[in-house]
Amino acid sequence: MKKNYPRFTLRIPDEMLQKIGRIAENNSRTKNKEIEFLLKRHIAEYERLYGPIKKDYQDLQK
């Protein structure tokens, strides 16, 4: 079942997008899912180093 996630436009150099595409293909993922995987991994590492990010992050959007 598809989830209704918010959309976010990401602008990255074409060469980087092609490399992500190759990595995604090797991991049997779409480029979108590969980017999501990388972001989740980065967030987990950040939280490991600095502690959990509070779910009330509205102040960061100002």
PDB file of N, CA and C in Angstrom:
ATOM      1  N   MET A   1       0.841  -1.174   0.000  1.00  0.00           N
ATOM      2  CA  MET A   1       0.000   0.000   0.000  1.00  0.00           C
ATOM      3  C   MET A   1       0.893   1.247   0.000  1.00  0.00           C
ATOM      4  N   LYS A   2       0.586   2.191  -0.866  1.00  0.00           N
ATOM      5  CA  LYS A   2       1.344   3.426  -0.957  1.00  0.00           C
ATOM      6  C   LYS A   2       1.041   4.333   0.223  1.00  0.00           C
ATOM      7  N   LYS A   3       2.086   4.914   0.781  1.00  0.00           N
ATOM      8  CA  LYS A   3       1.905   5.874   1.861  1.00  0.00           C
ATOM      9  C   LYS A   3       1.904   7.266   1.266  1.00  0.00           C
ATOM     10  N   ASN A   4       1.184   8.149   1.886  1.00  0.00           N
ATOM     11  CA  ASN A   4       1.072   9.506   1.386  1.00  0.00           C
ATOM     12  C   ASN A   4       2.125  10.390   2.064  1.00  0.00           C
ATOM     13  N   TYR A   5       3.370  10.249   1.660  1.00  0.00           N
ATOM     14  CA  TYR A   5       4.455  11.050   2.210  1.00  0.00           C
ATOM     15  C   TYR A   5       4.474  12.425   1.560  1.00  0.00           C
ATOM     16  N   PRO A   6       4.939  13.439   2.283  1.00  0.00           N
ATOM     17  CA  PRO A   6       5.072  14.746   1.649  1.00  0.00           C
ATOM     18  C   PRO A   6       6.128  14.699   0.547  1.00  0.00           C
ATOM     19  N   ARG A   7       5.959  15.518  -0.452  1.00  0.00           N
ATOM     20  CA  ARG A   7       6.926  15.584  -1.557  1.00  0.00           C
ATOM     21  C   ARG A   7       8.009  16.588  -1.214  1.00  0.00           C
ATOM     22  N   PHE A   8       9.219  16.297  -1.681  1.00  0.00           N
ATOM     23  CA  PHE A   8      10.351  17.177  -1.459  1.00  0.00           C
ATOM     24  C   PHE A   8      11.218  17.144  -2.707  1.00  0.00           C
ATOM     25  N   THR A   9      11.477  18.299  -3.277  1.00  0.00           N
ATOM     26  CA  THR A   9      12.313  18.372  -4.471  1.00  0.00           C
ATOM     27  C   THR A   9      13.775  18.467  -4.052  1.00  0.00           C
ATOM     28  N   LEU A  10      14.607  17.645  -4.650  1.00  0.00           N
ATOM     29  CA  LEU A  10      16.032  17.633  -4.347  1.00  0.00           C
ATOM     30  C   LEU A  10      16.800  17.959  -5.612  1.00  0.00           C
ATOM     31  N   ARG A  11      17.638  18.964  -5.533  1.00  0.00           N
ATOM     32  CA  ARG A  11      18.473  19.331  -6.676  1.00  0.00           C
ATOM     33  C   ARG A  11      19.891  18.860  -6.396  1.00  0.00           C
ATOM     34  N   ILE A  12      20.372  17.963  -7.244  1.00  0.00           N
ATOM     35  CA  ILE A  12      21.735  17.462  -7.104  1.00  0.00           C
ATOM     36  C   ILE A  12      22.365  17.379  -8.496  1.00  0.00           C
ATOM     37  N   PRO A  13      23.691  17.417  -8.547  1.00  0.00           N
ATOM     38  CA  PRO A  13      24.364  17.312  -9.850  1.00  0.00           C
ATOM     39  C   PRO A  13      24.014  15.997 -10.552  1.00  0.00           C
ATOM     40  N   ASP A  14      23.944  16.058 -11.877  1.00  0.00           N
ATOM     41  CA  ASP A  14      23.587  14.890 -12.684  1.00  0.00           C
ATOM     42  C   ASP A  14      24.525  13.712 -12.422  1.00  0.00           C
ATOM     43  N   GLU A  15      25.814  13.988 -12.297  1.00  0.00           N
ATOM     44  CA  GLU A  15      26.778  12.904 -12.058  1.00  0.00           C
ATOM     45  C   GLU A  15      26.471  12.171 -10.753  1.00  0.00           C
ATOM     46  N   MET A  16      26.113  12.929  -9.713  1.00  0.00           N
ATOM     47  CA  MET A  16      25.779  12.311  -8.429  1.00  0.00           C
ATOM     48  C   MET A  16      24.511  11.472  -8.554  1.00  0.00           C
ATOM     49  N   LEU A  17      23.520  11.986  -9.272  1.00  0.00           N
ATOM     50  CA  LEU A  17      22.275  11.245  -9.467  1.00  0.00           C
ATOM     51  C   LEU A  17      22.532   9.943 -10.225  1.00  0.00           C
ATOM     52  N   GLN A  18      23.403   9.986 -11.213  1.00  0.00           N
ATOM     53  CA  GLN A  18      23.750   8.765 -11.955  1.00  0.00           C
ATOM     54  C   GLN A  18      24.438   7.751 -11.049  1.00  0.00           C
ATOM     55  N   LYS A  19      25.311   8.231 -10.181  1.00  0.00           N
ATOM     56  CA  LYS A  19      26.000   7.324  -9.257  1.00  0.00           C
ATOM     57  C   LYS A  19      25.017   6.714  -8.267  1.00  0.00           C
ATOM     58  N   ILE A  20      24.083   7.533  -7.775  1.00  0.00           N
ATOM     59  CA  ILE A  20      23.055   7.006  -6.871  1.00  0.00           C
ATOM     60  C   ILE A  20      22.220   5.960  -7.598  1.00  0.00           C
ATOM     61  N   GLY A  21      21.926   6.223  -8.864  1.00  0.00           N
ATOM     62  CA  GLY A  21      21.179   5.250  -9.659  1.00  0.00           C
ATOM     63  C   GLY A  21      21.898   3.921  -9.772  1.00  0.00           C
ATOM     64  N   ARG A  22      23.201   3.972  -9.978  1.00  0.00           N
ATOM     65  CA  ARG A  22      23.990   2.729 -10.077  1.00  0.00           C
ATOM     66  C   ARG A  22      23.984   1.977  -8.745  1.00  0.00           C
ATOM     67  N   ILE A  23      24.188   2.706  -7.655  1.00  0.00           N
ATOM     68  CA  ILE A  23      24.177   2.081  -6.322  1.00  0.00           C
ATOM     69  C   ILE A  23      22.801   1.485  -6.041  1.00  0.00           C
ATOM     70  N   ALA A  24      21.747   2.246  -6.356  1.00  0.00           N
ATOM     71  CA  ALA A  24      20.381   1.768  -6.133  1.00  0.00           C
ATOM     72  C   ALA A  24      20.120   0.485  -6.910  1.00  0.00           C
ATOM     73  N   GLU A  25      20.552   0.471  -8.158  1.00  0.00           N
ATOM     74  CA  GLU A  25      20.366  -0.725  -8.992  1.00  0.00           C
ATOM     75  C   GLU A  25      21.079  -1.932  -8.382  1.00  0.00           C
ATOM     76  N   ASN A  26      22.291  -1.719  -7.902  1.00  0.00           N
ATOM     77  CA  ASN A  26      23.045  -2.813  -7.273  1.00  0.00           C
ATOM     78  C   ASN A  26      22.375  -3.316  -6.001  1.00  0.00           C
ATOM     79  N   ASN A  27      21.599  -2.442  -5.337  1.00  0.00           N
ATOM     80  CA  ASN A  27      20.907  -2.810  -4.100  1.00  0.00           C
ATOM     81  C   ASN A  27      19.436  -3.156  -4.333  1.00  0.00           C
ATOM     82  N   SER A  28      19.038  -3.273  -5.594  1.00  0.00           N
ATOM     83  CA  SER A  28      17.648  -3.593  -5.965  1.00  0.00           C
ATOM     84  C   SER A  28      16.662  -2.593  -5.360  1.00  0.00           C
ATOM     85  N   ARG A  29      17.032  -1.317  -5.435  1.00  0.00           N
ATOM     86  CA  ARG A  29      16.164  -0.250  -4.950  1.00  0.00           C
ATOM     87  C   ARG A  29      15.959   0.769  -6.064  1.00  0.00           C
ATOM     88  N   THR A  30      14.941   1.600  -5.889  1.00  0.00           N
ATOM     89  CA  THR A  30      14.798   2.757  -6.760  1.00  0.00           C
ATOM     90  C   THR A  30      15.756   3.832  -6.255  1.00  0.00           C
ATOM     91  N   LYS A  31      16.002   4.847  -7.081  1.00  0.00           N
ATOM     92  CA  LYS A  31      16.848   5.960  -6.627  1.00  0.00           C
ATOM     93  C   LYS A  31      16.224   6.620  -5.406  1.00  0.00           C
ATOM     94  N   ASN A  32      14.923   6.780  -5.422  1.00  0.00           N
ATOM     95  CA  ASN A  32      14.244   7.399  -4.287  1.00  0.00           C
ATOM     96  C   ASN A  32      14.461   6.593  -3.004  1.00  0.00           C
ATOM     97  N   LYS A  33      14.277   5.282  -3.084  1.00  0.00           N
ATOM     98  CA  LYS A  33      14.454   4.429  -1.898  1.00  0.00           C
ATOM     99  C   LYS A  33      15.913   4.395  -1.446  1.00  0.00           C
ATOM    100  N   GLU A  34      16.840   4.483  -2.391  1.00  0.00           N
ATOM    101  CA  GLU A  34      18.264   4.510  -2.030  1.00  0.00           C
ATOM    102  C   GLU A  34      18.574   5.793  -1.263  1.00  0.00           C
ATOM    103  N   ILE A  35      18.058   6.924  -1.737  1.00  0.00           N
ATOM    104  CA  ILE A  35      18.273   8.190  -1.036  1.00  0.00           C
ATOM    105  C   ILE A  35      17.630   8.140   0.346  1.00  0.00           C
ATOM    106  N   GLU A  36      16.422   7.583   0.436  1.00  0.00           N
ATOM    107  CA  GLU A  36      15.750   7.439   1.733  1.00  0.00           C
ATOM    108  C   GLU A  36      16.586   6.572   2.673  1.00  0.00           C
ATOM    109  N   PHE A  37      17.134   5.471   2.168  1.00  0.00           N
ATOM    110  CA  PHE A  37      17.985   4.587   2.963  1.00  0.00           C
ATOM    111  C   PHE A  37      19.206   5.354   3.496  1.00  0.00           C
ATOM    112  N   LEU A  38      19.851   6.121   2.627  1.00  0.00           N
ATOM    113  CA  LEU A  38      21.037   6.875   3.024  1.00  0.00           C
ATOM    114  C   LEU A  38      20.706   7.931   4.069  1.00  0.00           C
ATOM    115  N   LEU A  39      19.579   8.596   3.901  1.00  0.00           N
ATOM    116  CA  LEU A  39      19.172   9.601   4.877  1.00  0.00           C
ATOM    117  C   LEU A  39      18.864   8.970   6.239  1.00  0.00           C
ATOM    118  N   LYS A  40      18.170   7.839   6.234  1.00  0.00           N
ATOM    119  CA  LYS A  40      17.879   7.141   7.492  1.00  0.00           C
ATOM    120  C   LYS A  40      19.164   6.741   8.199  1.00  0.00           C
ATOM    121  N   ARG A  41      20.131   6.249   7.433  1.00  0.00           N
ATOM    122  CA  ARG A  41      21.416   5.841   8.010  1.00  0.00           C
ATOM    123  C   ARG A  41      22.147   7.049   8.599  1.00  0.00           C
ATOM    124  N   HIS A  42      22.116   8.163   7.884  1.00  0.00           N
ATOM    125  CA  HIS A  42      22.778   9.376   8.364  1.00  0.00           C
ATOM    126  C   HIS A  42      22.105   9.901   9.638  1.00  0.00           C
ATOM    127  N   ILE A  43      20.781   9.898   9.663  1.00  0.00           N
ATOM    128  CA  ILE A  43      20.055  10.352  10.854  1.00  0.00           C
ATOM    129  C   ILE A  43      20.361   9.446  12.047  1.00  0.00           C
ATOM    130  N   ALA A  44      20.398   8.146  11.832  1.00  0.00           N
ATOM    131  CA  ALA A  44      20.710   7.203  12.911  1.00  0.00           C
ATOM    132  C   ALA A  44      22.109   7.471  13.462  1.00  0.00           C
ATOM    133  N   GLU A  45      23.071   7.736  12.595  1.00  0.00           N
ATOM    134  CA  GLU A  45      24.433   8.032  13.042  1.00  0.00           C
ATOM    135  C   GLU A  45      24.480   9.351  13.808  1.00  0.00           C
ATOM    136  N   TYR A  46      23.774  10.355  13.326  1.00  0.00           N
ATOM    137  CA  TYR A  46      23.713  11.646  14.008  1.00  0.00           C
ATOM    138  C   TYR A  46      23.134  11.468  15.413  1.00  0.00           C
ATOM    139  N   GLU A  47      22.026  10.735  15.512  1.00  0.00           N
ATOM    140  CA  GLU A  47      21.397  10.516  16.815  1.00  0.00           C
ATOM    141  C   GLU A  47      22.269   9.665  17.731  1.00  0.00           C
ATOM    142  N   ARG A  48      23.033   8.762  17.168  1.00  0.00           N
ATOM    143  CA  ARG A  48      23.961   7.972  17.985  1.00  0.00           C
ATOM    144  C   ARG A  48      25.005   8.890  18.618  1.00  0.00           C
ATOM    145  N   LEU A  49      25.482   9.863  17.857  1.00  0.00           N
ATOM    146  CA  LEU A  49      26.518  10.770  18.344  1.00  0.00           C
ATOM    147  C   LEU A  49      25.979  11.870  19.253  1.00  0.00           C
ATOM    148  N   TYR A  50      24.797  12.401  18.928  1.00  0.00           N
ATOM    149  CA  TYR A  50      24.306  13.601  19.608  1.00  0.00           C
ATOM    150  C   TYR A  50      23.008  13.418  20.371  1.00  0.00           C
ATOM    151  N   GLY A  51      22.445  12.220  20.337  1.00  0.00           N
ATOM    152  CA  GLY A  51      21.188  11.968  21.030  1.00  0.00           C
ATOM    153  C   GLY A  51      20.002  12.107  20.095  1.00  0.00           C
ATOM    154  N   PRO A  52      18.872  11.609  20.548  1.00  0.00           N
ATOM    155  CA  PRO A  52      17.670  11.618  19.713  1.00  0.00           C
ATOM    156  C   PRO A  52      17.250  13.034  19.320  1.00  0.00           C
ATOM    157  N   ILE A  53      16.741  13.156  18.128  1.00  0.00           N
ATOM    158  CA  ILE A  53      16.179  14.420  17.658  1.00  0.00           C
ATOM    159  C   ILE A  53      14.738  14.454  18.141  1.00  0.00           C
ATOM    160  N   LYS A  54      14.374  15.542  18.793  1.00  0.00           N
ATOM    161  CA  LYS A  54      13.009  15.665  19.312  1.00  0.00           C
ATOM    162  C   LYS A  54      12.011  15.676  18.163  1.00  0.00           C
ATOM    163  N   LYS A  55      10.872  15.041  18.398  1.00  0.00           N
ATOM    164  CA  LYS A  55       9.843  14.990  17.359  1.00  0.00           C
ATOM    165  C   LYS A  55       9.204  16.343  17.130  1.00  0.00           C
ATOM    166  N   ASP A  56       9.290  17.246  18.108  1.00  0.00           N
ATOM    167  CA  ASP A  56       8.758  18.594  17.941  1.00  0.00           C
ATOM    168  C   ASP A  56       9.855  19.465  17.350  1.00  0.00           C
ATOM    169  N   TYR A  57       9.993  19.401  16.043  1.00  0.00           N
ATOM    170  CA  TYR A  57      11.059  20.111  15.357  1.00  0.00           C
ATOM    171  C   TYR A  57      10.533  21.288  14.553  1.00  0.00           C
ATOM    172  N   GLN A  58       9.360  21.797  14.900  1.00  0.00           N
ATOM    173  CA  GLN A  58       8.773  22.916  14.177  1.00  0.00           C
ATOM    174  C   GLN A  58       9.673  24.153  14.215  1.00  0.00           C
ATOM    175  N   ASP A  59      10.405  24.345  15.327  1.00  0.00           N
ATOM    176  CA  ASP A  59      11.267  25.524  15.441  1.00  0.00           C
ATOM    177  C   ASP A  59      12.390  25.498  14.404  1.00  0.00           C
ATOM    178  N   LEU A  60      12.724  24.364  13.863  1.00  0.00           N
ATOM    179  CA  LEU A  60      13.780  24.270  12.849  1.00  0.00           C
ATOM    180  C   LEU A  60      13.304  24.751  11.492  1.00  0.00           C
ATOM    181  N   GLN A  61      11.998  24.863  11.305  1.00  0.00           N
ATOM    182  CA  GLN A  61      11.449  25.240  10.008  1.00  0.00           C
ATOM    183  C   GLN A  61      11.307  26.744   9.830  1.00  0.00           C
ATOM    184  N   LYS A  62      11.735  27.526  10.814  1.00  0.00           N
ATOM    185  CA  LYS A  62      11.643  28.988  10.735  1.00  0.00           C
ATOM    186  C   LYS A  62      12.746  29.563   9.909  1.00  0.00           C
TER     187      LYS A  62
END
